[in-house]
Amino acid sequence: MATILYYSTNGSENPTKAALPFLSANGAVEAGYQAQIVLFGDAVVVMKDAVANSVVPVGWPPLKELLATTIRNKVPIYV
């Protein structure tokens, strides 16, 4: 089984791009792969509860929901 690493530098200034590693990792897990997420630079702020609760990407569920699924899927998140 392959492990896919998702890397992001996008934070709350671009909510749609900030959600992409979480969307992608959740999709990978649902498809039977292992996933990991690395957040770097501006992306680290999305791990704060206040920020995660306020980030709403265009066309996708709020980040707090995506993050909850990512945690439920036991995807490692490196900050």
Protein backbone atom coordinates (compact mmCIF):
# COMPACT_ATOMS: atom_id res chain seq x y z
CA MET A 1 0.00 0.00 0.00
CA ALA A 2 1.35 3.43 -0.95
CA THR A 3 1.65 6.35 1.41
CA ILE A 4 0.86 9.74 -0.08
CA LEU A 5 2.35 12.90 1.42
CA TYR A 6 0.35 16.12 1.07
CA TYR A 7 2.31 19.33 1.60
CA SER A 8 0.76 22.77 2.01
CA THR A 9 1.95 26.32 2.57
CA ASN A 10 -1.51 27.91 2.22
CA GLY A 11 -3.25 29.28 5.29
CA SER A 12 -6.42 31.18 6.08
CA GLU A 13 -5.63 33.87 3.47
CA ASN A 14 -6.64 31.32 0.80
CA PRO A 15 -9.29 29.05 2.35
CA THR A 16 -9.83 26.88 -0.71
CA LYS A 17 -6.16 26.02 -1.08
CA ALA A 18 -5.83 25.60 2.69
CA ALA A 19 -8.45 22.84 2.58
CA LEU A 20 -6.86 20.88 -0.28
CA PRO A 21 -4.44 18.72 1.72
CA PHE A 22 -7.25 17.66 4.07
CA LEU A 23 -9.65 16.93 1.20
CA SER A 24 -6.97 14.99 -0.64
CA ALA A 25 -5.82 13.00 2.38
CA ASN A 26 -9.39 12.06 3.27
CA GLY A 27 -10.01 10.92 -0.31
CA ALA A 28 -6.80 8.88 -0.31
CA VAL A 29 -7.77 7.11 2.92
CA GLU A 30 -11.24 6.36 1.54
CA ALA A 31 -9.58 4.88 -1.57
CA GLY A 32 -7.47 2.57 0.60
CA TYR A 33 -4.17 4.47 0.71
CA GLN A 34 -2.24 5.81 3.67
CA ALA A 35 -1.86 9.57 3.82
CA GLN A 36 0.21 12.12 5.70
CA ILE A 37 -0.04 15.92 5.77
CA VAL A 38 2.80 18.42 6.22
CA LEU A 39 1.87 22.05 6.97
CA PHE A 40 4.57 24.67 6.56
CA GLY A 41 4.78 28.46 6.69
CA ASP A 42 1.39 30.17 6.51
CA ALA A 43 -0.42 26.81 6.63
CA VAL A 44 0.40 26.15 10.30
CA VAL A 45 -2.23 28.65 11.49
CA VAL A 46 -5.07 26.41 10.27
CA MET A 47 -4.31 24.07 13.16
CA LYS A 48 -5.52 26.68 15.67
CA ASP A 49 -9.14 26.04 16.64
CA ALA A 50 -10.21 29.65 16.05
CA VAL A 51 -8.76 29.62 12.53
CA ALA A 52 -9.97 26.13 11.61
CA ASN A 53 -13.48 27.06 12.74
CA SER A 54 -13.55 30.14 10.52
CA VAL A 55 -12.03 28.78 7.29
CA VAL A 56 -14.68 27.94 4.68
CA PRO A 57 -13.36 26.95 1.25
CA VAL A 58 -15.34 27.65 -1.90
CA GLY A 59 -17.40 24.61 -2.89
CA TRP A 60 -16.28 22.36 -0.02
CA PRO A 61 -17.33 21.77 3.59
CA PRO A 62 -15.86 24.02 6.30
CA LEU A 63 -12.31 23.18 7.33
CA LYS A 64 -13.42 22.19 10.84
CA GLU A 65 -15.46 19.33 9.31
CA LEU A 66 -12.64 18.26 7.00
CA LEU A 67 -10.17 18.35 9.86
CA ALA A 68 -12.47 16.26 12.05
CA THR A 69 -12.64 13.62 9.31
CA THR A 70 -8.86 13.73 8.87
CA ILE A 71 -8.39 13.14 12.60
CA ARG A 72 -10.98 10.34 12.58
CA ASN A 73 -9.05 8.75 9.70
CA LYS A 74 -5.89 8.90 11.88
CA VAL A 75 -3.93 10.80 9.24
CA PRO A 76 -0.68 12.13 10.73
CA ILE A 77 -0.39 15.93 10.48
CA TYR A 78 3.09 17.41 10.79
CA VAL A 79 3.35 21.11 11.61
